[in-house]
Structure formats: structure tokens, C-alpha cells
């Protein structure tokens, strides 16, 4: 069971790093969902950030944004997170 735990923990750490250091511009530049859908998700992200009225990407805005995605789109985002936010601590 140890290897599964190790992998899960690494994914968890990458997700945590993403929550604190999200770079929506990088996501837009890489067009992780394709040009059109990435632009759509970036716009939705901006809306969630604006709703928090904090002036920055608060964790609750990021989590709400992710939770509104379909599982397939969450999986694409998770692949991006693992690729770009692993081993950053």
C-alpha cells in the first residue's frame, strides 16, 4: 500500500501548491482544455474571484471554480496540476 499512499500524497501536495500559487495566465497560455474552453474557464475563474470581493484568487474561489467543472475537465486540470505543481515544496 505504501506506493499508492506516496503517489496520493504527492498529488495532494501538488494540489496544495496549486491552490496557493495558481497562475491562470499559465493555464490560458497552455490552453489545457483547448483555446475556446480554456477561455471559458478563465472567464468563469475571474467571476469566482470577483464574487469573493477580496481582490485576489482566494482559495474558496479556486475550489468553487474546480467543483463546477465536469469530472472530465477536472481530470484535465489535475493532469496540469501534477505536471506543473509537483515537487514544489
Protein backbone atom coordinates (compact mmCIF):
# COMPACT_ATOMS: atom_id res chain seq x y z
CA UNK A 1 0.00 0.00 0.00
CA UNK A 2 2.90 2.38 0.52
CA UNK A 3 3.39 3.27 -3.19
CA UNK A 4 -0.28 4.29 -3.55
CA UNK A 5 -0.03 6.45 -0.44
CA UNK A 6 3.18 8.01 -1.72
CA UNK A 7 1.56 8.84 -5.06
CA UNK A 8 -1.61 10.17 -3.42
CA UNK A 9 0.42 12.32 -1.07
CA UNK A 10 2.41 13.77 -3.97
CA UNK A 11 -0.83 14.62 -5.78
CA UNK A 12 -2.18 16.19 -2.60
CA UNK A 13 0.96 18.31 -2.23
CA UNK A 14 0.75 19.40 -5.88
CA UNK A 15 -2.91 20.38 -5.36
CA UNK A 16 -1.98 22.39 -2.26
CA UNK A 17 0.78 24.17 -4.15
CA UNK A 18 -1.68 24.93 -6.97
CA UNK A 19 -4.17 26.44 -4.51
CA UNK A 20 -1.56 28.85 -3.19
CA UNK A 21 0.29 29.58 -6.41
CA UNK A 22 -2.33 29.33 -9.15
CA UNK A 23 -1.25 31.03 -12.34
CA UNK A 24 -4.33 31.44 -14.50
CA UNK A 25 -2.21 33.07 -17.19
CA UNK A 26 -0.12 29.91 -17.47
CA UNK A 27 -3.28 27.83 -17.82
CA UNK A 28 -4.50 30.22 -20.52
CA UNK A 29 -1.15 30.16 -22.32
CA UNK A 30 -1.05 26.36 -22.31
CA UNK A 31 -4.72 26.13 -23.38
CA UNK A 32 -5.10 22.96 -21.35
CA UNK A 33 -8.71 22.46 -22.48
CA UNK A 34 -8.19 23.87 -25.97
CA UNK A 35 -8.46 27.55 -26.87
CA UNK A 36 -12.23 28.04 -26.61
CA UNK A 37 -12.88 26.04 -23.45
CA UNK A 38 -9.80 27.42 -21.71
CA UNK A 39 -11.03 30.97 -22.40
CA UNK A 40 -14.44 29.96 -21.00
CA UNK A 41 -12.90 28.53 -17.81
CA UNK A 42 -10.64 31.57 -17.39
CA UNK A 43 -13.70 33.83 -17.58
CA UNK A 44 -15.53 31.68 -15.04
CA UNK A 45 -12.46 31.81 -12.80
CA UNK A 46 -12.49 35.62 -12.94
CA UNK A 47 -16.13 35.58 -11.92
CA UNK A 48 -15.46 33.38 -8.89
CA UNK A 49 -12.56 35.62 -7.86
CA UNK A 50 -14.74 38.74 -8.21
CA UNK A 51 -17.51 37.19 -6.10
CA UNK A 52 -15.20 36.78 -3.12
CA UNK A 53 -14.73 40.57 -3.15
CA UNK A 54 -11.16 40.11 -1.88
CA UNK A 55 -9.32 41.31 -4.97
CA UNK A 56 -7.24 38.13 -5.28
CA UNK A 57 -7.74 34.44 -6.02
CA UNK A 58 -8.89 33.26 -2.61
CA UNK A 59 -8.84 29.52 -2.03
CA UNK A 60 -12.64 29.37 -1.84
CA UNK A 61 -12.85 30.92 -5.33
CA UNK A 62 -10.42 28.36 -6.74
CA UNK A 63 -12.18 25.41 -5.10
CA UNK A 64 -15.63 26.60 -6.23
CA UNK A 65 -14.29 27.02 -9.76
CA UNK A 66 -12.94 23.47 -9.79
CA UNK A 67 -16.08 21.96 -8.25
CA UNK A 68 -18.25 23.41 -11.02
CA UNK A 69 -16.27 21.55 -13.69
CA UNK A 70 -17.29 18.19 -15.04
CA UNK A 71 -15.17 15.25 -13.88
CA UNK A 72 -13.51 15.10 -17.32
CA UNK A 73 -12.46 18.76 -17.11
CA UNK A 74 -11.32 18.30 -13.51
CA UNK A 75 -9.14 15.42 -14.70
CA UNK A 76 -7.51 17.65 -17.34
CA UNK A 77 -6.86 20.26 -14.66
CA UNK A 78 -5.45 17.63 -12.30
CA UNK A 79 -3.05 16.47 -15.01
CA UNK A 80 -1.93 20.09 -15.40
CA UNK A 81 -1.54 20.42 -11.62
CA UNK A 82 0.55 17.26 -11.35
CA UNK A 83 2.75 18.31 -14.26
CA UNK A 84 3.23 21.92 -13.13
CA UNK A 85 2.95 21.89 -9.34
CA UNK A 86 4.60 18.66 -8.22
CA UNK A 87 7.75 18.72 -6.11
CA UNK A 88 7.49 22.44 -5.44
CA UNK A 89 7.65 22.41 -1.61
